[in-house]
């Protein structure tokens, strides 16, 4: 298995309304896919409540990650303006080099 970092940028035009309506479905999706989505959370900039999100996903391929991204209710609702998928190699954790 490979670890992927998934970086989302949100479309700010309707972000507040989409988040309000779809957040319970998004959380249910994350719980249902917890075996693959190891951690997830919103990103913000100073002055912005939400600018996007970040997931760490364990999967066989980037195509698998892409399919997972597109199953997220936030994707179908149009919240995500862009997504980037990177292979991530963890070399430092819990204050120690691995």
Protein backbone atom coordinates (compact mmCIF):
# COMPACT_ATOMS: atom_id res chain seq x y z
CA UNK A 1 0.00 0.00 0.00
CA UNK A 2 1.06 3.54 -0.72
CA UNK A 3 0.31 6.63 1.32
CA UNK A 4 -1.13 9.58 -0.61
CA UNK A 5 -1.62 13.21 0.41
CA UNK A 6 -4.75 14.65 -1.16
CA UNK A 7 -4.98 18.44 -1.27
CA UNK A 8 -8.33 20.06 -1.99
CA UNK A 9 -9.07 23.67 -2.88
CA UNK A 10 -12.68 24.70 -2.34
CA UNK A 11 -14.83 26.79 -4.66
CA UNK A 12 -15.69 29.68 -2.35
CA UNK A 13 -18.76 30.81 -4.31
CA UNK A 14 -21.24 28.52 -2.52
CA UNK A 15 -18.95 26.90 0.03
CA UNK A 16 -20.86 27.88 3.17
CA UNK A 17 -24.21 26.62 1.88
CA UNK A 18 -22.70 23.39 0.51
CA UNK A 19 -20.84 22.67 3.74
CA UNK A 20 -23.97 23.28 5.81
CA UNK A 21 -26.10 20.95 3.70
CA UNK A 22 -23.56 18.19 2.96
CA UNK A 23 -21.37 18.06 6.08
CA UNK A 24 -23.29 15.17 7.75
CA UNK A 25 -23.04 13.12 4.51
CA UNK A 26 -19.35 14.01 4.16
CA UNK A 27 -18.66 12.82 7.74
CA UNK A 28 -20.60 9.59 7.10
CA UNK A 29 -18.51 9.07 3.95
CA UNK A 30 -15.27 9.57 5.90
CA UNK A 31 -16.39 7.10 8.58
CA UNK A 32 -17.42 4.54 5.94
CA UNK A 33 -13.99 4.84 4.28
CA UNK A 34 -11.85 5.04 7.42
CA UNK A 35 -9.87 1.96 6.38
CA UNK A 36 -8.42 4.00 3.48
CA UNK A 37 -8.76 7.64 4.59
CA UNK A 38 -6.36 7.65 7.53
CA UNK A 39 -6.87 11.29 8.48
CA UNK A 40 -8.78 14.24 7.06
CA UNK A 41 -9.52 17.84 7.90
CA UNK A 42 -10.19 21.34 6.62
CA UNK A 43 -7.57 23.88 5.62
CA UNK A 44 -7.97 27.61 6.19
CA UNK A 45 -6.18 30.86 5.53
CA UNK A 46 -6.20 33.85 7.81
CA UNK A 47 -9.60 35.44 7.43
CA UNK A 48 -11.13 32.39 5.67
CA UNK A 49 -13.08 29.82 7.63
CA UNK A 50 -12.39 27.11 5.04
CA UNK A 51 -10.09 27.16 2.03
CA UNK A 52 -10.00 23.45 1.27
CA UNK A 53 -9.03 20.17 2.85
CA UNK A 54 -6.32 17.59 3.31
CA UNK A 55 -6.58 13.81 3.43
CA UNK A 56 -3.95 11.15 3.99
CA UNK A 57 -5.10 8.06 2.13
CA UNK A 58 -3.66 4.57 2.07
CA UNK A 59 -4.36 2.94 -1.30
CA UNK A 60 -2.85 0.77 -4.02
CA UNK A 61 -2.87 3.45 -6.75
CA UNK A 62 -3.57 7.12 -7.41
CA UNK A 63 -6.54 6.00 -9.55
CA UNK A 64 -8.04 4.36 -6.46
CA UNK A 65 -7.62 7.64 -4.57
CA UNK A 66 -9.20 9.57 -7.46
CA UNK A 67 -12.25 7.28 -7.39
CA UNK A 68 -12.54 7.77 -3.63
CA UNK A 69 -12.36 11.56 -4.00
CA UNK A 70 -15.16 11.50 -6.56
CA UNK A 71 -17.39 9.42 -4.25
CA UNK A 72 -17.24 12.10 -1.55
CA UNK A 73 -20.56 14.01 -1.30
CA UNK A 74 -18.59 17.29 -1.27
CA UNK A 75 -17.28 16.45 -4.77
CA UNK A 76 -20.73 15.77 -6.23
CA UNK A 77 -22.09 18.94 -4.60
CA UNK A 78 -19.45 21.05 -6.36
CA UNK A 79 -17.54 22.20 -3.27
CA UNK A 80 -14.15 21.14 -4.60
CA UNK A 81 -12.58 23.56 -7.08
CA UNK A 82 -9.49 21.41 -7.54
CA UNK A 83 -7.78 18.34 -6.17
CA UNK A 84 -4.14 17.25 -6.23
CA UNK A 85 -2.97 13.75 -5.33
CA UNK A 86 0.63 13.21 -4.22
CA UNK A 87 2.52 10.12 -3.12
CA UNK A 88 3.69 10.87 0.40
CA UNK A 89 6.68 9.31 2.13
CA UNK A 90 6.62 9.74 5.88
CA UNK A 91 10.13 10.34 7.22
CA UNK A 92 9.40 12.17 10.48
CA UNK A 93 6.70 11.42 13.03
CA UNK A 94 6.17 11.79 16.75
CA UNK A 95 9.31 13.96 17.01
CA UNK A 96 11.56 11.31 15.47
CA UNK A 97 13.02 10.40 12.10
CA UNK A 98 11.70 7.10 10.84
